[in-house]
PDB file of N, CA and C in Angstrom:
ATOM      1  N   MET A   1     -15.289   1.493  -3.579  1.00  0.00           N
ATOM      2  CA  MET A   1     -13.928   1.034  -3.772  1.00  0.00           C
ATOM      3  C   MET A   1     -12.965   2.222  -3.818  1.00  0.00           C
ATOM      4  N   LYS A   2     -13.406   3.291  -4.458  1.00  0.00           N
ATOM      5  CA  LYS A   2     -12.534   4.453  -4.546  1.00  0.00           C
ATOM      6  C   LYS A   2     -12.273   5.039  -3.166  1.00  0.00           C
ATOM      7  N   LEU A   3     -13.263   4.929  -2.281  1.00  0.00           N
ATOM      8  CA  LEU A   3     -13.086   5.438  -0.930  1.00  0.00           C
ATOM      9  C   LEU A   3     -12.012   4.649  -0.188  1.00  0.00           C
ATOM     10  N   VAL A   4     -11.993   3.333  -0.365  1.00  0.00           N
ATOM     11  CA  VAL A   4     -10.960   2.503   0.273  1.00  0.00           C
ATOM     12  C   VAL A   4      -9.582   2.906  -0.235  1.00  0.00           C
ATOM     13  N   LEU A   5      -9.474   3.121  -1.534  1.00  0.00           N
ATOM     14  CA  LEU A   5      -8.201   3.519  -2.123  1.00  0.00           C
ATOM     15  C   LEU A   5      -7.751   4.875  -1.570  1.00  0.00           C
ATOM     16  N   VAL A   6      -8.700   5.787  -1.425  1.00  0.00           N
ATOM     17  CA  VAL A   6      -8.374   7.105  -0.863  1.00  0.00           C
ATOM     18  C   VAL A   6      -7.849   6.954   0.558  1.00  0.00           C
ATOM     19  N   PHE A   7      -8.505   6.114   1.368  1.00  0.00           N
ATOM     20  CA  PHE A   7      -8.048   5.911   2.741  1.00  0.00           C
ATOM     21  C   PHE A   7      -6.643   5.324   2.789  1.00  0.00           C
ATOM     22  N   VAL A   8      -6.360   4.392   1.906  1.00  0.00           N
ATOM     23  CA  VAL A   8      -5.018   3.798   1.875  1.00  0.00           C
ATOM     24  C   VAL A   8      -3.985   4.849   1.479  1.00  0.00           C
ATOM     25  N   LEU A   9      -4.302   5.653   0.481  1.00  0.00           N
ATOM     26  CA  LEU A   9      -3.356   6.675   0.044  1.00  0.00           C
ATOM     27  C   LEU A   9      -3.168   7.762   1.095  1.00  0.00           C
ATOM     28  N   VAL A  10      -4.211   8.058   1.848  1.00  0.00           N
ATOM     29  CA  VAL A  10      -4.099   9.040   2.926  1.00  0.00           C
ATOM     30  C   VAL A  10      -3.261   8.476   4.066  1.00  0.00           C
ATOM     31  N   ALA A  11      -3.325   7.176   4.282  1.00  0.00           N
ATOM     32  CA  ALA A  11      -2.577   6.554   5.371  1.00  0.00           C
ATOM     33  C   ALA A  11      -1.077   6.533   5.101  1.00  0.00           C
ATOM     34  N   ILE A  12      -0.683   6.575   3.857  1.00  0.00           N
ATOM     35  CA  ILE A  12       0.746   6.506   3.533  1.00  0.00           C
ATOM     36  C   ILE A  12       1.528   7.650   4.166  1.00  0.00           C
ATOM     37  N   PRO A  13       1.093   8.922   4.006  1.00  0.00           N
ATOM     38  CA  PRO A  13       1.874   9.989   4.651  1.00  0.00           C
ATOM     39  C   PRO A  13       1.886   9.887   6.170  1.00  0.00           C
ATOM     40  N   ILE A  14       0.804   9.419   6.746  1.00  0.00           N
ATOM     41  CA  ILE A  14       0.746   9.259   8.198  1.00  0.00           C
ATOM     42  C   ILE A  14       1.761   8.214   8.644  1.00  0.00           C
ATOM     43  N   CYS A  15       1.849   7.137   7.904  1.00  0.00           N
ATOM     44  CA  CYS A  15       2.766   6.050   8.257  1.00  0.00           C
ATOM     45  C   CYS A  15       4.204   6.352   7.857  1.00  0.00           C
ATOM     46  N   CYS A  16       4.404   7.361   7.031  1.00  0.00           N
ATOM     47  CA  CYS A  16       5.759   7.613   6.546  1.00  0.00           C
ATOM     48  C   CYS A  16       6.694   8.106   7.636  1.00  0.00           C
ATOM     49  N   TYR A  17       6.152   8.543   8.756  1.00  0.00           N
ATOM     50  CA  TYR A  17       7.025   8.958   9.844  1.00  0.00           C
ATOM     51  C   TYR A  17       7.905   7.805  10.305  1.00  0.00           C
ATOM     52  N   ALA A  18       7.434   6.585  10.096  1.00  0.00           N
ATOM     53  CA  ALA A  18       8.218   5.421  10.495  1.00  0.00           C
ATOM     54  C   ALA A  18       8.475   4.499   9.317  1.00  0.00           C
ATOM     55  N   SER A  19       8.301   5.000   8.129  1.00  0.00           N
ATOM     56  CA  SER A  19       8.382   4.114   6.977  1.00  0.00           C
ATOM     57  C   SER A  19       9.530   4.482   6.058  1.00  0.00           C
ATOM     58  N   SER A  20       9.592   3.747   4.952  1.00  0.00           N
ATOM     59  CA  SER A  20      10.648   3.879   3.961  1.00  0.00           C
ATOM     60  C   SER A  20      12.003   3.948   4.639  1.00  0.00           C
ATOM     61  N   SER A  21      12.495   2.829   4.989  1.00  0.00           N
ATOM     62  CA  SER A  21      13.710   2.585   5.754  1.00  0.00           C
ATOM     63  C   SER A  21      13.515   2.855   7.230  1.00  0.00           C
ATOM     64  N   GLY A  22      12.333   2.676   7.697  1.00  0.00           N
ATOM     65  CA  GLY A  22      12.073   2.787   9.117  1.00  0.00           C
ATOM     66  C   GLY A  22      11.084   1.731   9.567  1.00  0.00           C
ATOM     67  N   CYS A  23      10.140   1.425   8.723  1.00  0.00           N
ATOM     68  CA  CYS A  23       9.121   0.439   9.062  1.00  0.00           C
ATOM     69  C   CYS A  23       9.033  -0.566   7.917  1.00  0.00           C
ATOM     70  N   ARG A  24       9.738  -1.624   8.070  1.00  0.00           N
ATOM     71  CA  ARG A  24       9.821  -2.641   7.019  1.00  0.00           C
ATOM     72  C   ARG A  24       8.453  -3.218   6.666  1.00  0.00           C
ATOM     73  N   ALA A  25       7.571  -3.367   7.661  1.00  0.00           N
ATOM     74  CA  ALA A  25       6.242  -3.932   7.413  1.00  0.00           C
ATOM     75  C   ALA A  25       5.434  -3.037   6.474  1.00  0.00           C
ATOM     76  N   MET A  26       5.468  -1.738   6.723  1.00  0.00           N
ATOM     77  CA  MET A  26       4.728  -0.801   5.869  1.00  0.00           C
ATOM     78  C   MET A  26       5.304  -0.798   4.463  1.00  0.00           C
ATOM     79  N   ASP A  27       6.620  -0.795   4.354  1.00  0.00           N
ATOM     80  CA  ASP A  27       7.258  -0.823   3.035  1.00  0.00           C
ATOM     81  C   ASP A  27       6.861  -2.081   2.267  1.00  0.00           C
ATOM     82  N   ASP A  28       6.812  -3.212   2.961  1.00  0.00           N
ATOM     83  CA  ASP A  28       6.458  -4.474   2.326  1.00  0.00           C
ATOM     84  C   ASP A  28       5.010  -4.469   1.855  1.00  0.00           C
ATOM     85  N   VAL A  29       4.100  -3.969   2.674  1.00  0.00           N
ATOM     86  CA  VAL A  29       2.684  -3.925   2.287  1.00  0.00           C
ATOM     87  C   VAL A  29       2.494  -3.030   1.067  1.00  0.00           C
ATOM     88  N   VAL A  30       3.133  -1.877   1.050  1.00  0.00           N
ATOM     89  CA  VAL A  30       3.018  -0.978  -0.099  1.00  0.00           C
ATOM     90  C   VAL A  30       3.587  -1.648  -1.345  1.00  0.00           C
ATOM     91  N   ALA A  31       4.736  -2.276  -1.217  1.00  0.00           N
ATOM     92  CA  ALA A  31       5.362  -2.944  -2.363  1.00  0.00           C
ATOM     93  C   ALA A  31       4.490  -4.085  -2.889  1.00  0.00           C
ATOM     94  N   GLN A  32       3.912  -4.861  -1.985  1.00  0.00           N
ATOM     95  CA  GLN A  32       3.056  -5.972  -2.400  1.00  0.00           C
ATOM     96  C   GLN A  32       1.750  -5.466  -3.017  1.00  0.00           C
ATOM     97  N   THR A  33       1.277  -4.320  -2.550  1.00  0.00           N
ATOM     98  CA  THR A  33       0.039  -3.745  -3.088  1.00  0.00           C
ATOM     99  C   THR A  33       0.215  -3.369  -4.549  1.00  0.00           C
ATOM    100  N   ILE A  34       1.333  -2.774  -4.898  1.00  0.00           N
ATOM    101  CA  ILE A  34       1.516  -2.310  -6.277  1.00  0.00           C
ATOM    102  C   ILE A  34       2.221  -3.322  -7.170  1.00  0.00           C
ATOM    103  N   ASN A  35       2.542  -4.488  -6.635  1.00  0.00           N
ATOM    104  CA  ASN A  35       3.192  -5.539  -7.411  1.00  0.00           C
ATOM    105  C   ASN A  35       2.123  -6.364  -8.136  1.00  0.00           C
ATOM    106  N   SER A  36       2.113  -6.295  -9.449  1.00  0.00           N
ATOM    107  CA  SER A  36       1.081  -6.986 -10.227  1.00  0.00           C
ATOM    108  C   SER A  36       1.245  -8.504 -10.252  1.00  0.00           C
ATOM    109  N   SER A  37       2.385  -9.015  -9.818  1.00  0.00           N
ATOM    110  CA  SER A  37       2.580 -10.471  -9.807  1.00  0.00           C
ATOM    111  C   SER A  37       2.090 -11.112  -8.505  1.00  0.00           C
ATOM    112  N   VAL A  38       1.656 -10.303  -7.543  1.00  0.00           N
ATOM    113  CA  VAL A  38       1.120 -10.818  -6.281  1.00  0.00           C
ATOM    114  C   VAL A  38      -0.382 -10.988  -6.426  1.00  0.00           C
ATOM    115  N   SER A  39      -0.855 -12.213  -6.218  1.00  0.00           N
ATOM    116  CA  SER A  39      -2.290 -12.484  -6.348  1.00  0.00           C
ATOM    117  C   SER A  39      -3.049 -11.964  -5.129  1.00  0.00           C
ATOM    118  N   VAL A  40      -4.369 -11.935  -5.247  1.00  0.00           N
ATOM    119  CA  VAL A  40      -5.216 -11.492  -4.137  1.00  0.00           C
ATOM    120  C   VAL A  40      -5.002 -12.400  -2.929  1.00  0.00           C
ATOM    121  N   ALA A  41      -4.942 -13.710  -3.150  1.00  0.00           N
ATOM    122  CA  ALA A  41      -4.750 -14.660  -2.039  1.00  0.00           C
ATOM    123  C   ALA A  41      -3.398 -14.439  -1.358  1.00  0.00           C
ATOM    124  N   ASP A  42      -2.346 -14.248  -2.145  1.00  0.00           N
ATOM    125  CA  ASP A  42      -1.026 -13.994  -1.576  1.00  0.00           C
ATOM    126  C   ASP A  42      -1.007 -12.670  -0.811  1.00  0.00           C
ATOM    127  N   TYR A  43      -1.690 -11.676  -1.354  1.00  0.00           N
ATOM    128  CA  TYR A  43      -1.748 -10.370  -0.707  1.00  0.00           C
ATOM    129  C   TYR A  43      -2.476 -10.468   0.634  1.00  0.00           C
ATOM    130  N   GLN A  44      -3.532 -11.268   0.675  1.00  0.00           N
ATOM    131  CA  GLN A  44      -4.249 -11.450   1.939  1.00  0.00           C
ATOM    132  C   GLN A  44      -3.350 -12.093   2.983  1.00  0.00           C
ATOM    133  N   ASP A  45      -2.470 -12.980   2.576  1.00  0.00           N
ATOM    134  CA  ASP A  45      -1.509 -13.569   3.512  1.00  0.00           C
ATOM    135  C   ASP A  45      -0.548 -12.513   4.054  1.00  0.00           C
ATOM    136  N   VAL A  46      -0.158 -11.564   3.194  1.00  0.00           N
ATOM    137  CA  VAL A  46       0.763 -10.506   3.607  1.00  0.00           C
ATOM    138  C   VAL A  46       0.127  -9.606   4.665  1.00  0.00           C
ATOM    139  N   VAL A  47      -1.157  -9.293   4.487  1.00  0.00           N
ATOM    140  CA  VAL A  47      -1.817  -8.322   5.371  1.00  0.00           C
ATOM    141  C   VAL A  47      -2.744  -8.964   6.411  1.00  0.00           C
ATOM    142  N   LYS A  48      -2.695 -10.278   6.546  1.00  0.00           N
ATOM    143  CA  LYS A  48      -3.653 -10.954   7.436  1.00  0.00           C
ATOM    144  C   LYS A  48      -3.565 -10.486   8.884  1.00  0.00           C
ATOM    145  N   SER A  49      -2.415 -10.109   9.366  1.00  0.00           N
ATOM    146  CA  SER A  49      -2.320  -9.653  10.748  1.00  0.00           C
ATOM    147  C   SER A  49      -2.859  -8.233  10.918  1.00  0.00           C
ATOM    148  N   TYR A  50      -2.964  -7.487   9.806  1.00  0.00           N
ATOM    149  CA  TYR A  50      -3.484  -6.122   9.867  1.00  0.00           C
ATOM    150  C   TYR A  50      -4.973  -6.058   9.553  1.00  0.00           C
ATOM    151  N   ALA A  51      -5.516  -7.102   8.952  1.00  0.00           N
ATOM    152  CA  ALA A  51      -6.925  -7.132   8.546  1.00  0.00           C
ATOM    153  C   ALA A  51      -7.535  -8.492   8.891  1.00  0.00           C
ATOM    154  N   PRO A  52      -7.748  -8.764  10.183  1.00  0.00           N
ATOM    155  CA  PRO A  52      -8.191 -10.093  10.581  1.00  0.00           C
ATOM    156  C   PRO A  52      -9.698 -10.361  10.445  1.00  0.00           C
ATOM    157  N   LEU A  53     -10.513  -9.339  10.368  1.00  0.00           N
ATOM    158  CA  LEU A  53     -11.963  -9.527  10.338  1.00  0.00           C
ATOM    159  C   LEU A  53     -12.466  -9.820   8.927  1.00  0.00           C
ATOM    160  N   PRO A  54     -13.605 -10.520   8.813  1.00  0.00           N
ATOM    161  CA  PRO A  54     -14.121 -10.879   7.478  1.00  0.00           C
ATOM    162  C   PRO A  54     -14.351  -9.672   6.560  1.00  0.00           C
ATOM    163  N   PHE A  55     -14.904  -8.591   7.102  1.00  0.00           N
ATOM    164  CA  PHE A  55     -15.122  -7.432   6.225  1.00  0.00           C
ATOM    165  C   PHE A  55     -13.806  -6.756   5.866  1.00  0.00           C
ATOM    166  N   ASP A  56     -12.787  -6.896   6.713  1.00  0.00           N
ATOM    167  CA  ASP A  56     -11.447  -6.403   6.371  1.00  0.00           C
ATOM    168  C   ASP A  56     -10.895  -7.182   5.181  1.00  0.00           C
ATOM    169  N   LYS A  57     -11.072  -8.500   5.224  1.00  0.00           N
ATOM    170  CA  LYS A  57     -10.559  -9.350   4.147  1.00  0.00           C
ATOM    171  C   LYS A  57     -11.219  -9.013   2.819  1.00  0.00           C
ATOM    172  N   LYS A  58     -12.519  -8.716   2.876  1.00  0.00           N
ATOM    173  CA  LYS A  58     -13.237  -8.359   1.649  1.00  0.00           C
ATOM    174  C   LYS A  58     -12.708  -7.030   1.102  1.00  0.00           C
ATOM    175  N   ALA A  59     -12.492  -6.062   1.984  1.00  0.00           N
ATOM    176  CA  ALA A  59     -11.962  -4.763   1.559  1.00  0.00           C
ATOM    177  C   ALA A  59     -10.555  -4.907   0.988  1.00  0.00           C
ATOM    178  N   VAL A  60      -9.724  -5.734   1.640  1.00  0.00           N
ATOM    179  CA  VAL A  60      -8.351  -5.967   1.165  1.00  0.00           C
ATOM    180  C   VAL A  60      -8.385  -6.610  -0.215  1.00  0.00           C
ATOM    181  N   SER A  61      -9.293  -7.570  -0.411  1.00  0.00           N
ATOM    182  CA  SER A  61      -9.419  -8.227  -1.717  1.00  0.00           C
ATOM    183  C   SER A  61      -9.787  -7.222  -2.804  1.00  0.00           C
ATOM    184  N   LYS A  62     -10.734  -6.350  -2.483  1.00  0.00           N
ATOM    185  CA  LYS A  62     -11.161  -5.345  -3.465  1.00  0.00           C
ATOM    186  C   LYS A  62     -10.039  -4.348  -3.753  1.00  0.00           C
ATOM    187  N   LEU A  63      -9.317  -3.968  -2.716  1.00  0.00           N
ATOM    188  CA  LEU A  63      -8.201  -3.039  -2.903  1.00  0.00           C
ATOM    189  C   LEU A  63      -7.148  -3.646  -3.819  1.00  0.00           C
ATOM    190  N   LYS A  64      -6.745  -4.879  -3.533  1.00  0.00           N
ATOM    191  CA  LYS A  64      -5.715  -5.517  -4.355  1.00  0.00           C
ATOM    192  C   LYS A  64      -6.208  -5.716  -5.782  1.00  0.00           C
ATOM    193  N   GLN A  65      -7.472  -6.099  -5.933  1.00  0.00           N
ATOM    194  CA  GLN A  65      -8.017  -6.294  -7.276  1.00  0.00           C
ATOM    195  C   GLN A  65      -8.010  -4.977  -8.056  1.00  0.00           C
ATOM    196  N   CYS A  66      -8.259  -3.896  -7.362  1.00  0.00           N
ATOM    197  CA  CYS A  66      -8.197  -2.575  -7.999  1.00  0.00           C
ATOM    198  C   CYS A  66      -6.807  -2.328  -8.583  1.00  0.00           C
ATOM    199  N   PHE A  67      -5.773  -2.678  -7.834  1.00  0.00           N
ATOM    200  CA  PHE A  67      -4.413  -2.495  -8.339  1.00  0.00           C
ATOM    201  C   PHE A  67      -4.089  -3.499  -9.440  1.00  0.00           C
ATOM    202  N   LEU A  68      -4.630  -4.713  -9.353  1.00  0.00           N
ATOM    203  CA  LEU A  68      -4.390  -5.706 -10.403  1.00  0.00           C
ATOM    204  C   LEU A  68      -5.032  -5.295 -11.721  1.00  0.00           C
ATOM    205  N   ASP A  69      -6.097  -4.504 -11.641  1.00  0.00           N
ATOM    206  CA  ASP A  69      -6.796  -4.061 -12.847  1.00  0.00           C
ATOM    207  C   ASP A  69      -6.094  -2.899 -13.548  1.00  0.00           C
ATOM    208  N   GLN A  70      -5.040  -2.374 -12.953  1.00  0.00           N
ATOM    209  CA  GLN A  70      -4.334  -1.223 -13.517  1.00  0.00           C
ATOM    210  C   GLN A  70      -3.218  -1.681 -14.451  1.00  0.00           C
ATOM    211  N   SER A  71      -2.827  -0.778 -15.327  1.00  0.00           N
ATOM    212  CA  SER A  71      -1.728  -1.070 -16.251  1.00  0.00           C
ATOM    213  C   SER A  71      -0.394  -0.988 -15.500  1.00  0.00           C
ATOM    214  N   GLU A  72       0.632  -1.564 -16.094  1.00  0.00           N
ATOM    215  CA  GLU A  72       1.970  -1.501 -15.495  1.00  0.00           C
ATOM    216  C   GLU A  72       2.449  -0.053 -15.399  1.00  0.00           C
ATOM    217  N   GLU A  73       2.067   0.772 -16.367  1.00  0.00           N
ATOM    218  CA  GLU A  73       2.444   2.189 -16.337  1.00  0.00           C
ATOM    219  C   GLU A  73       1.822   2.888 -15.115  1.00  0.00           C
ATOM    220  N   THR A  74       0.560   2.596 -14.854  1.00  0.00           N
ATOM    221  CA  THR A  74      -0.112   3.191 -13.696  1.00  0.00           C
ATOM    222  C   THR A  74       0.536   2.728 -12.397  1.00  0.00           C
ATOM    223  N   LEU A  75       0.866   1.451 -12.312  1.00  0.00           N
ATOM    224  CA  LEU A  75       1.512   0.932 -11.107  1.00  0.00           C
ATOM    225  C   LEU A  75       2.881   1.573 -10.910  1.00  0.00           C
ATOM    226  N   ALA A  76       3.597   1.796 -11.982  1.00  0.00           N
ATOM    227  CA  ALA A  76       4.895   2.474 -11.886  1.00  0.00           C
ATOM    228  C   ALA A  76       4.702   3.912 -11.401  1.00  0.00           C
ATOM    229  N   ASN A  77       3.638   4.561 -11.852  1.00  0.00           N
ATOM    230  CA  ASN A  77       3.348   5.921 -11.401  1.00  0.00           C
ATOM    231  C   ASN A  77       2.972   5.955  -9.925  1.00  0.00           C
ATOM    232  N   VAL A  78       2.284   4.931  -9.446  1.00  0.00           N
ATOM    233  CA  VAL A  78       1.965   4.852  -8.012  1.00  0.00           C
ATOM    234  C   VAL A  78       3.251   4.738  -7.210  1.00  0.00           C
ATOM    235  N   LYS A  79       4.192   3.940  -7.685  1.00  0.00           N
ATOM    236  CA  LYS A  79       5.485   3.809  -7.013  1.00  0.00           C
ATOM    237  C   LYS A  79       6.209   5.149  -6.954  1.00  0.00           C
ATOM    238  N   VAL A  80       6.162   5.893  -8.049  1.00  0.00           N
ATOM    239  CA  VAL A  80       6.779   7.223  -8.085  1.00  0.00           C
ATOM    240  C   VAL A  80       6.100   8.132  -7.060  1.00  0.00           C
ATOM    241  N   MET A  81       4.764   8.053  -6.976  1.00  0.00           N
ATOM    242  CA  MET A  81       4.032   8.877  -6.028  1.00  0.00           C
ATOM    243  C   MET A  81       4.399   8.527  -4.586  1.00  0.00           C
ATOM    244  N   VAL A  82       4.466   7.242  -4.276  1.00  0.00           N
ATOM    245  CA  VAL A  82       4.826   6.810  -2.925  1.00  0.00           C
ATOM    246  C   VAL A  82       6.232   7.288  -2.574  1.00  0.00           C
ATOM    247  N   ASP A  83       7.159   7.144  -3.512  1.00  0.00           N
ATOM    248  CA  ASP A  83       8.522   7.615  -3.276  1.00  0.00           C
ATOM    249  C   ASP A  83       8.557   9.127  -3.063  1.00  0.00           C
ATOM    250  N   ALA A  84       7.748   9.857  -3.824  1.00  0.00           N
ATOM    251  CA  ALA A  84       7.695  11.314  -3.667  1.00  0.00           C
ATOM    252  C   ALA A  84       7.146  11.688  -2.291  1.00  0.00           C
ATOM    253  N   ILE A  85       6.168  10.950  -1.813  1.00  0.00           N
ATOM    254  CA  ILE A  85       5.615  11.213  -0.477  1.00  0.00           C
ATOM    255  C   ILE A  85       6.681  10.944   0.577  1.00  0.00           C
ATOM    256  N   TYR A  86       7.356   9.806   0.482  1.00  0.00           N
ATOM    257  CA  TYR A  86       8.383   9.456   1.464  1.00  0.00           C
ATOM    258  C   TYR A  86       9.531  10.468   1.474  1.00  0.00           C
ATOM    259  N   ASN A  87       9.836  11.029   0.324  1.00  0.00           N
ATOM    260  CA  ASN A  87      10.965  11.944   0.214  1.00  0.00           C
ATOM    261  C   ASN A  87      10.574  13.416   0.329  1.00  0.00           C
ATOM    262  N   SER A  88       9.298  13.677   0.642  1.00  0.00           N
ATOM    263  CA  SER A  88       8.841  15.057   0.731  1.00  0.00           C
ATOM    264  C   SER A  88       9.316  15.703   2.036  1.00  0.00           C
ATOM    265  N   LYS A  89       9.321  17.020   2.063  1.00  0.00           N
ATOM    266  CA  LYS A  89       9.732  17.739   3.274  1.00  0.00           C
ATOM    267  C   LYS A  89       8.746  17.545   4.413  1.00  0.00           C
ATOM    268  N   ASP A  90       7.490  17.161   4.090  1.00  0.00           N
ATOM    269  CA  ASP A  90       6.472  16.941   5.115  1.00  0.00           C
ATOM    270  C   ASP A  90       6.519  15.523   5.697  1.00  0.00           C
ATOM    271  N   CYS A  91       7.451  14.731   5.228  1.00  0.00           N
ATOM    272  CA  CYS A  91       7.575  13.364   5.707  1.00  0.00           C
ATOM    273  C   CYS A  91       9.001  13.160   6.237  1.00  0.00           C
ATOM    274  N   PRO A  92       9.253  13.681   7.438  1.00  0.00           N
ATOM    275  CA  PRO A  92      10.621  13.569   7.963  1.00  0.00           C
ATOM    276  C   PRO A  92      11.016  12.118   8.222  1.00  0.00           C
ATOM    277  N   GLN A  93      12.208  11.799   7.896  1.00  0.00           N
ATOM    278  CA  GLN A  93      12.737  10.457   8.110  1.00  0.00           C
ATOM    279  C   GLN A  93      13.552  10.425   9.413  1.00  0.00           C
ATOM    280  N   SER A  94      13.416   9.327  10.102  1.00  0.00           N
ATOM    281  CA  SER A  94      14.218   9.203  11.328  1.00  0.00           C
ATOM    282  C   SER A  94      15.657   8.867  10.949  1.00  0.00           C
ATOM    283  N   ALA A  95      16.572   9.337  11.756  1.00  0.00           N
ATOM    284  CA  ALA A  95      17.987   9.111  11.455  1.00  0.00           C
ATOM    285  C   ALA A  95      18.452   7.789  11.985  1.00  0.00           C
TER     286      ALA A  95
END
């Protein structure tokens, strides 16, 4: 499970070239991932076009459950981290 989380966190800087006011889909997935009021089933609906295979769905469920198991403080810190990545000098934003 930790490996899946690492892959997702590594993908954020890669996707940031078109994200955070550039790629609404990526922003929405990140927001839904760290939102504790979004259930696993609702989250699967959000990402169903990105994870259509059965083993993808299982991984997505485990990923979301990992975030649901975290405290609100931890989720707020993840949001701060994502914002820091988007606003870093290594993540240029398109004009």
